[in-house]
Amino acid sequence: MSANEFMTAYEEGTASLLEEVGLPVDHANTALQLLGAVESRYSRDLKLNLKAVLKSTHLDAKQTSLLALSVAANQKNGPLTSYFNGMASGNGATAEETAEAVACASLLAANNVLYRFRHFADKEKYNVLRPSLRMNIMMNPATGKHLFELMSLAVSAVNGCEQCVKSHEASLIALGATEEQVWDAIRIASVVASYDRVVH
């Protein structure tokens, strides 16, 4: 397919999905080609949704970009991880903080599997057995306990761990977070997860 043919296959809104996250308009995958083959109003909605959730009135720009980075890393999405890493750095995040956002996603992958199993099995014996996994990063996170808990909550929500979501939400409220901050973190997670389905 020539470059001209490729571009004619793309609806303008679909190409803008890529531009929104710093990717060239010829970045291709099957999902994007399917969206671009027709006049899709969804492409514009998705782009505008991402813009909207990253402009939280309850979280600052560094927090929103680190939250997005953690979810992108959880989704194993290279282009989005790279984009949100750059955004977080541009918003003042240190290398230690961006690394911690990725580490949080990795740690929560383990925790979400363990606690989902406990929930699904619903057997008291598994509730008393210890995970016996090292989780030192949770004790003194570089991002601070508040943001680390927000990232943990966002990743847990994406991964569908009910016990983890309830635990991290309760911890956040105890730390003084507002329900509006919690909700904005979940909104970011939901849109980054939806972006992941078409931009990867």
C-alpha atoms as a PDB file:
ATOM      1  CA  MET A   1       0.000   0.000   0.000  1.00  0.00           C
ATOM      2  CA  SER A   2       1.439   3.383  -1.003  1.00  0.00           C
ATOM      3  CA  ALA A   3       1.622   6.276   1.440  1.00  0.00           C
ATOM      4  CA  ASN A   4      -1.197   8.060  -0.403  1.00  0.00           C
ATOM      5  CA  GLU A   5      -3.420   4.981  -0.391  1.00  0.00           C
ATOM      6  CA  PHE A   6      -2.671   4.490   3.305  1.00  0.00           C
ATOM      7  CA  MET A   7      -3.701   8.049   4.167  1.00  0.00           C
ATOM      8  CA  THR A   8      -6.902   7.843   2.148  1.00  0.00           C
ATOM      9  CA  ALA A   9      -7.824   4.747   4.159  1.00  0.00           C
ATOM     10  CA  TYR A  10      -7.628   6.821   7.317  1.00  0.00           C
ATOM     11  CA  GLU A  11     -10.412   9.048   8.468  1.00  0.00           C
ATOM     12  CA  GLU A  12      -8.981  12.322   9.785  1.00  0.00           C
ATOM     13  CA  GLY A  13     -10.091  11.585  13.340  1.00  0.00           C
ATOM     14  CA  THR A  14      -8.309   8.243  13.378  1.00  0.00           C
ATOM     15  CA  ALA A  15      -5.018   9.796  12.291  1.00  0.00           C
ATOM     16  CA  SER A  16      -5.463  12.391  15.037  1.00  0.00           C
ATOM     17  CA  LEU A  17      -5.627   9.589  17.630  1.00  0.00           C
ATOM     18  CA  LEU A  18      -2.010   8.902  16.774  1.00  0.00           C
ATOM     19  CA  GLU A  19      -0.968  12.538  16.700  1.00  0.00           C
ATOM     20  CA  GLU A  20      -2.511  13.013  20.150  1.00  0.00           C
ATOM     21  CA  VAL A  21       0.002  10.557  21.636  1.00  0.00           C
ATOM     22  CA  GLY A  22       2.985  11.636  19.550  1.00  0.00           C
ATOM     23  CA  LEU A  23       2.881   8.858  16.973  1.00  0.00           C
ATOM     24  CA  PRO A  24       3.268   9.341  13.204  1.00  0.00           C
ATOM     25  CA  VAL A  25       0.069   9.081  11.170  1.00  0.00           C
ATOM     26  CA  ASP A  26       1.467   6.070   9.316  1.00  0.00           C
ATOM     27  CA  HIS A  27       1.724   4.049  12.556  1.00  0.00           C
ATOM     28  CA  ALA A  28      -0.396   1.036  11.656  1.00  0.00           C
ATOM     29  CA  ASN A  29      -2.218  -1.803  13.318  1.00  0.00           C
ATOM     30  CA  THR A  30      -5.329  -3.752  12.436  1.00  0.00           C
ATOM     31  CA  ALA A  31      -7.622  -1.947  14.877  1.00  0.00           C
ATOM     32  CA  LEU A  32      -6.642   1.458  13.504  1.00  0.00           C
ATOM     33  CA  GLN A  33      -7.102   0.275   9.938  1.00  0.00           C
ATOM     34  CA  LEU A  34     -10.599  -0.983  10.759  1.00  0.00           C
ATOM     35  CA  LEU A  35     -11.504   2.317  12.411  1.00  0.00           C
ATOM     36  CA  GLY A  36      -9.986   4.293   9.554  1.00  0.00           C
ATOM     37  CA  ALA A  37     -11.789   2.364   6.849  1.00  0.00           C
ATOM     38  CA  VAL A  38     -15.063   4.097   7.675  1.00  0.00           C
ATOM     39  CA  GLU A  39     -16.147   7.489   8.923  1.00  0.00           C
ATOM     40  CA  SER A  40     -15.941   6.786  12.629  1.00  0.00           C
ATOM     41  CA  ARG A  41     -17.187   9.348  15.127  1.00  0.00           C
ATOM     42  CA  TYR A  42     -15.651   7.210  17.861  1.00  0.00           C
ATOM     43  CA  SER A  43     -12.116   8.270  16.934  1.00  0.00           C
ATOM     44  CA  ARG A  44     -12.883  11.885  17.768  1.00  0.00           C
ATOM     45  CA  ASP A  45     -14.639  10.899  21.002  1.00  0.00           C
ATOM     46  CA  LEU A  46     -11.669   8.840  22.159  1.00  0.00           C
ATOM     47  CA  LYS A  47      -9.182  11.628  21.436  1.00  0.00           C
ATOM     48  CA  LEU A  48     -11.339  14.186  23.261  1.00  0.00           C
ATOM     49  CA  ASN A  49     -11.858  11.791  26.184  1.00  0.00           C
ATOM     50  CA  LEU A  50      -8.085  11.488  26.643  1.00  0.00           C
ATOM     51  CA  LYS A  51      -7.645  15.259  26.558  1.00  0.00           C
ATOM     52  CA  ALA A  52     -10.451  15.683  29.089  1.00  0.00           C
ATOM     53  CA  VAL A  53      -9.309  13.161  31.693  1.00  0.00           C
ATOM     54  CA  LEU A  54      -5.741  14.458  31.647  1.00  0.00           C
ATOM     55  CA  LYS A  55      -7.023  17.936  32.591  1.00  0.00           C
ATOM     56  CA  SER A  56      -8.260  17.007  36.047  1.00  0.00           C
ATOM     57  CA  THR A  57      -9.289  19.779  38.417  1.00  0.00           C
ATOM     58  CA  HIS A  58      -8.540  17.514  41.375  1.00  0.00           C
ATOM     59  CA  LEU A  59      -5.108  16.135  40.390  1.00  0.00           C
ATOM     60  CA  ASP A  60      -2.122  18.040  39.041  1.00  0.00           C
ATOM     61  CA  ALA A  61      -0.475  17.426  35.660  1.00  0.00           C
ATOM     62  CA  LYS A  62       2.348  15.316  37.108  1.00  0.00           C
ATOM     63  CA  GLN A  63      -0.108  13.096  38.959  1.00  0.00           C
ATOM     64  CA  THR A  64      -2.350  12.568  35.926  1.00  0.00           C
ATOM     65  CA  SER A  65       0.555  11.741  33.631  1.00  0.00           C
ATOM     66  CA  LEU A  66       2.086   9.295  36.131  1.00  0.00           C
ATOM     67  CA  LEU A  67      -1.305   7.641  36.560  1.00  0.00           C
ATOM     68  CA  ALA A  68      -1.626   7.312  32.785  1.00  0.00           C
ATOM     69  CA  LEU A  69       1.940   5.949  32.588  1.00  0.00           C
ATOM     70  CA  SER A  70       1.212   3.283  35.206  1.00  0.00           C
ATOM     71  CA  VAL A  71      -1.910   2.093  33.364  1.00  0.00           C
ATOM     72  CA  ALA A  72      -0.116   2.115  29.982  1.00  0.00           C
ATOM     73  CA  ALA A  73       2.686   0.008  31.486  1.00  0.00           C
ATOM     74  CA  ASN A  74       0.088  -2.335  32.976  1.00  0.00           C
ATOM     75  CA  GLN A  75      -1.376  -2.765  29.495  1.00  0.00           C
ATOM     76  CA  LYS A  76       2.112  -3.524  28.099  1.00  0.00           C
ATOM     77  CA  ASN A  77       1.566  -0.779  25.540  1.00  0.00           C
ATOM     78  CA  GLY A  78       4.976   0.418  24.328  1.00  0.00           C
ATOM     79  CA  PRO A  79       3.873   3.540  22.396  1.00  0.00           C
ATOM     80  CA  LEU A  80       1.570   4.774  25.167  1.00  0.00           C
ATOM     81  CA  THR A  81       4.135   3.990  27.875  1.00  0.00           C
ATOM     82  CA  SER A  82       6.741   6.002  25.972  1.00  0.00           C
ATOM     83  CA  TYR A  83       4.342   8.886  25.403  1.00  0.00           C
ATOM     84  CA  PHE A  84       3.152   9.156  29.006  1.00  0.00           C
ATOM     85  CA  ASN A  85       6.725   8.762  30.275  1.00  0.00           C
ATOM     86  CA  GLY A  86       7.668  11.821  28.237  1.00  0.00           C
ATOM     87  CA  MET A  87       4.588  13.671  29.436  1.00  0.00           C
ATOM     88  CA  ALA A  88       5.336  12.845  33.079  1.00  0.00           C
ATOM     89  CA  SER A  89       8.952  13.984  32.726  1.00  0.00           C
ATOM     90  CA  GLY A  90       7.762  17.173  31.064  1.00  0.00           C
ATOM     91  CA  ASN A  91       5.453  17.760  34.030  1.00  0.00           C
ATOM     92  CA  GLY A  92       8.308  17.497  36.520  1.00  0.00           C
ATOM     93  CA  ALA A  93       8.420  13.781  37.347  1.00  0.00           C
ATOM     94  CA  THR A  94      11.880  12.459  38.164  1.00  0.00           C
ATOM     95  CA  ALA A  95      13.354   9.314  36.645  1.00  0.00           C
ATOM     96  CA  GLU A  96      12.752   7.604  39.997  1.00  0.00           C
ATOM     97  CA  GLU A  97       9.066   8.553  39.894  1.00  0.00           C
ATOM     98  CA  THR A  98       8.509   7.395  36.308  1.00  0.00           C
ATOM     99  CA  ALA A  99      10.298   4.127  37.087  1.00  0.00           C
ATOM    100  CA  GLU A 100       8.068   3.733  40.138  1.00  0.00           C
ATOM    101  CA  ALA A 101       4.923   4.150  38.028  1.00  0.00           C
ATOM    102  CA  VAL A 102       6.078   1.171  35.949  1.00  0.00           C
ATOM    103  CA  ALA A 103       7.140  -0.763  39.054  1.00  0.00           C
ATOM    104  CA  CYS A 104       3.697  -0.120  40.573  1.00  0.00           C
ATOM    105  CA  ALA A 105       2.025  -1.692  37.530  1.00  0.00           C
ATOM    106  CA  SER A 106       4.292  -4.730  37.821  1.00  0.00           C
ATOM    107  CA  LEU A 107       3.750  -5.147  41.564  1.00  0.00           C
ATOM    108  CA  LEU A 108      -0.005  -4.789  41.213  1.00  0.00           C
ATOM    109  CA  ALA A 109      -0.038  -7.455  38.503  1.00  0.00           C
ATOM    110  CA  ALA A 110       1.136  -9.889  41.186  1.00  0.00           C
ATOM    111  CA  ASN A 111      -1.151  -8.567  43.906  1.00  0.00           C
ATOM    112  CA  ASN A 112      -4.199  -8.514  41.655  1.00  0.00           C
ATOM    113  CA  VAL A 113      -3.694 -12.168  40.703  1.00  0.00           C
ATOM    114  CA  LEU A 114      -3.319 -13.214  44.347  1.00  0.00           C
ATOM    115  CA  TYR A 115      -6.256 -11.255  45.686  1.00  0.00           C
ATOM    116  CA  ARG A 116      -8.555 -12.079  42.779  1.00  0.00           C
ATOM    117  CA  PHE A 117      -7.828 -15.742  43.470  1.00  0.00           C
ATOM    118  CA  ARG A 118      -8.689 -15.302  47.146  1.00  0.00           C
ATOM    119  CA  HIS A 119     -11.935 -13.628  46.172  1.00  0.00           C
ATOM    120  CA  PHE A 120     -12.862 -16.207  43.530  1.00  0.00           C
ATOM    121  CA  ALA A 121     -11.916 -19.232  45.662  1.00  0.00           C
ATOM    122  CA  ASP A 122     -13.752 -17.832  48.703  1.00  0.00           C
ATOM    123  CA  LYS A 123     -11.999 -20.241  51.049  1.00  0.00           C
ATOM    124  CA  GLU A 124     -10.872 -19.173  54.513  1.00  0.00           C
ATOM    125  CA  LYS A 125      -7.594 -21.089  54.322  1.00  0.00           C
ATOM    126  CA  TYR A 126      -6.352 -18.857  51.466  1.00  0.00           C
ATOM    127  CA  ASN A 127      -7.265 -15.755  53.447  1.00  0.00           C
ATOM    128  CA  VAL A 128      -4.834 -16.691  56.232  1.00  0.00           C
ATOM    129  CA  LEU A 129      -1.954 -17.869  54.045  1.00  0.00           C
ATOM    130  CA  ARG A 130       0.601 -15.090  53.538  1.00  0.00           C
ATOM    131  CA  PRO A 131       1.597 -13.996  50.005  1.00  0.00           C
ATOM    132  CA  SER A 132       5.259 -13.933  51.177  1.00  0.00           C
ATOM    133  CA  LEU A 133       6.244 -11.547  48.384  1.00  0.00           C
ATOM    134  CA  ARG A 134       8.621  -8.610  48.776  1.00  0.00           C
ATOM    135  CA  MET A 135       6.764  -5.303  48.483  1.00  0.00           C
ATOM    136  CA  ASN A 136       9.245  -2.803  49.923  1.00  0.00           C
ATOM    137  CA  ILE A 137       8.305  -0.216  47.301  1.00  0.00           C
ATOM    138  CA  MET A 138       4.950   0.258  49.055  1.00  0.00           C
ATOM    139  CA  MET A 139       6.565   1.283  52.348  1.00  0.00           C
ATOM    140  CA  ASN A 140       8.263   4.502  51.208  1.00  0.00           C
ATOM    141  CA  PRO A 141       7.333   5.257  47.588  1.00  0.00           C
ATOM    142  CA  ALA A 142       9.189   7.980  45.693  1.00  0.00           C
ATOM    143  CA  THR A 143       5.862   9.275  44.397  1.00  0.00           C
ATOM    144  CA  GLY A 144       4.469   9.510  47.945  1.00  0.00           C
ATOM    145  CA  LYS A 145       1.871   7.235  49.506  1.00  0.00           C
ATOM    146  CA  HIS A 146      -1.089   9.201  48.135  1.00  0.00           C
ATOM    147  CA  LEU A 147      -0.085   8.954  44.467  1.00  0.00           C
ATOM    148  CA  PHE A 148       1.221   5.404  44.825  1.00  0.00           C
ATOM    149  CA  GLU A 149      -2.169   4.373  46.212  1.00  0.00           C
ATOM    150  CA  LEU A 150      -3.931   6.193  43.349  1.00  0.00           C
ATOM    151  CA  MET A 151      -1.812   4.304  40.805  1.00  0.00           C
ATOM    152  CA  SER A 152      -2.427   1.042  42.666  1.00  0.00           C
ATOM    153  CA  LEU A 153      -6.162   1.703  42.648  1.00  0.00           C
ATOM    154  CA  ALA A 154      -6.200   2.588  38.935  1.00  0.00           C
ATOM    155  CA  VAL A 155      -4.260  -0.527  37.916  1.00  0.00           C
ATOM    156  CA  SER A 156      -6.367  -2.735  40.197  1.00  0.00           C
ATOM    157  CA  ALA A 157      -9.562  -1.372  38.649  1.00  0.00           C
ATOM    158  CA  VAL A 158      -8.270  -2.130  35.143  1.00  0.00           C
ATOM    159  CA  ASN A 159      -7.250  -5.630  36.248  1.00  0.00           C
ATOM    160  CA  GLY A 160     -10.615  -6.293  37.879  1.00  0.00           C
ATOM    161  CA  CYS A 161      -9.504  -7.037  41.441  1.00  0.00           C
ATOM    162  CA  GLU A 162     -12.452  -6.206  43.706  1.00  0.00           C
ATOM    163  CA  GLN A 163     -10.617  -6.712  47.007  1.00  0.00           C
ATOM    164  CA  CYS A 164      -7.689  -4.600  45.800  1.00  0.00           C
ATOM    165  CA  VAL A 165      -9.953  -1.788  44.627  1.00  0.00           C
ATOM    166  CA  LYS A 166     -11.785  -1.672  47.958  1.00  0.00           C
ATOM    167  CA  SER A 167      -8.537  -1.799  49.936  1.00  0.00           C
ATOM    168  CA  HIS A 168      -6.766   0.948  47.954  1.00  0.00           C
ATOM    169  CA  GLU A 169      -9.847   3.179  47.921  1.00  0.00           C
ATOM    170  CA  ALA A 170     -10.153   2.856  51.708  1.00  0.00           C
ATOM    171  CA  SER A 171      -6.429   3.596  52.131  1.00  0.00           C
ATOM    172  CA  LEU A 172      -6.757   6.707  49.984  1.00  0.00           C
ATOM    173  CA  ILE A 173      -9.688   8.051  51.991  1.00  0.00           C
ATOM    174  CA  ALA A 174      -7.706   7.384  55.190  1.00  0.00           C
ATOM    175  CA  LEU A 175      -4.787   9.345  53.704  1.00  0.00           C
ATOM    176  CA  GLY A 176      -7.081  12.310  53.111  1.00  0.00           C
ATOM    177  CA  ALA A 177      -7.794  11.838  49.416  1.00  0.00           C
ATOM    178  CA  THR A 178     -11.147  13.035  48.156  1.00  0.00           C
ATOM    179  CA  GLU A 179     -13.634  10.903  46.290  1.00  0.00           C
ATOM    180  CA  GLU A 180     -13.242  13.324  43.369  1.00  0.00           C
ATOM    181  CA  GLN A 181      -9.517  12.482  43.194  1.00  0.00           C
ATOM    182  CA  VAL A 182     -10.316   8.778  43.314  1.00  0.00           C
ATOM    183  CA  TRP A 183     -12.907   9.172  40.567  1.00  0.00           C
ATOM    184  CA  ASP A 184     -10.529  11.158  38.342  1.00  0.00           C
ATOM    185  CA  ALA A 185      -7.876   8.452  38.720  1.00  0.00           C
ATOM    186  CA  ILE A 186     -10.424   5.851  37.605  1.00  0.00           C
ATOM    187  CA  ARG A 187     -11.501   8.033  34.678  1.00  0.00           C
ATOM    188  CA  ILE A 188      -7.857   8.256  33.547  1.00  0.00           C
ATOM    189  CA  ALA A 189      -7.473   4.488  33.867  1.00  0.00           C
ATOM    190  CA  SER A 190     -10.631   3.845  31.865  1.00  0.00           C
ATOM    191  CA  VAL A 191      -9.631   6.074  28.954  1.00  0.00           C
ATOM    192  CA  VAL A 192      -6.016   4.890  28.795  1.00  0.00           C
ATOM    193  CA  ALA A 193      -7.328   1.299  28.764  1.00  0.00           C
ATOM    194  CA  SER A 194      -9.696   2.174  25.919  1.00  0.00           C
ATOM    195  CA  TYR A 195      -6.915   3.944  23.975  1.00  0.00           C
ATOM    196  CA  ASP A 196      -4.816   0.797  24.395  1.00  0.00           C
ATOM    197  CA  ARG A 197      -7.367  -1.190  22.408  1.00  0.00           C
ATOM    198  CA  VAL A 198      -6.749   0.817  19.244  1.00  0.00           C
ATOM    199  CA  VAL A 199      -3.293   2.423  19.618  1.00  0.00           C
ATOM    200  CA  HIS A 200      -0.490  -0.058  20.280  1.00  0.00           C
END
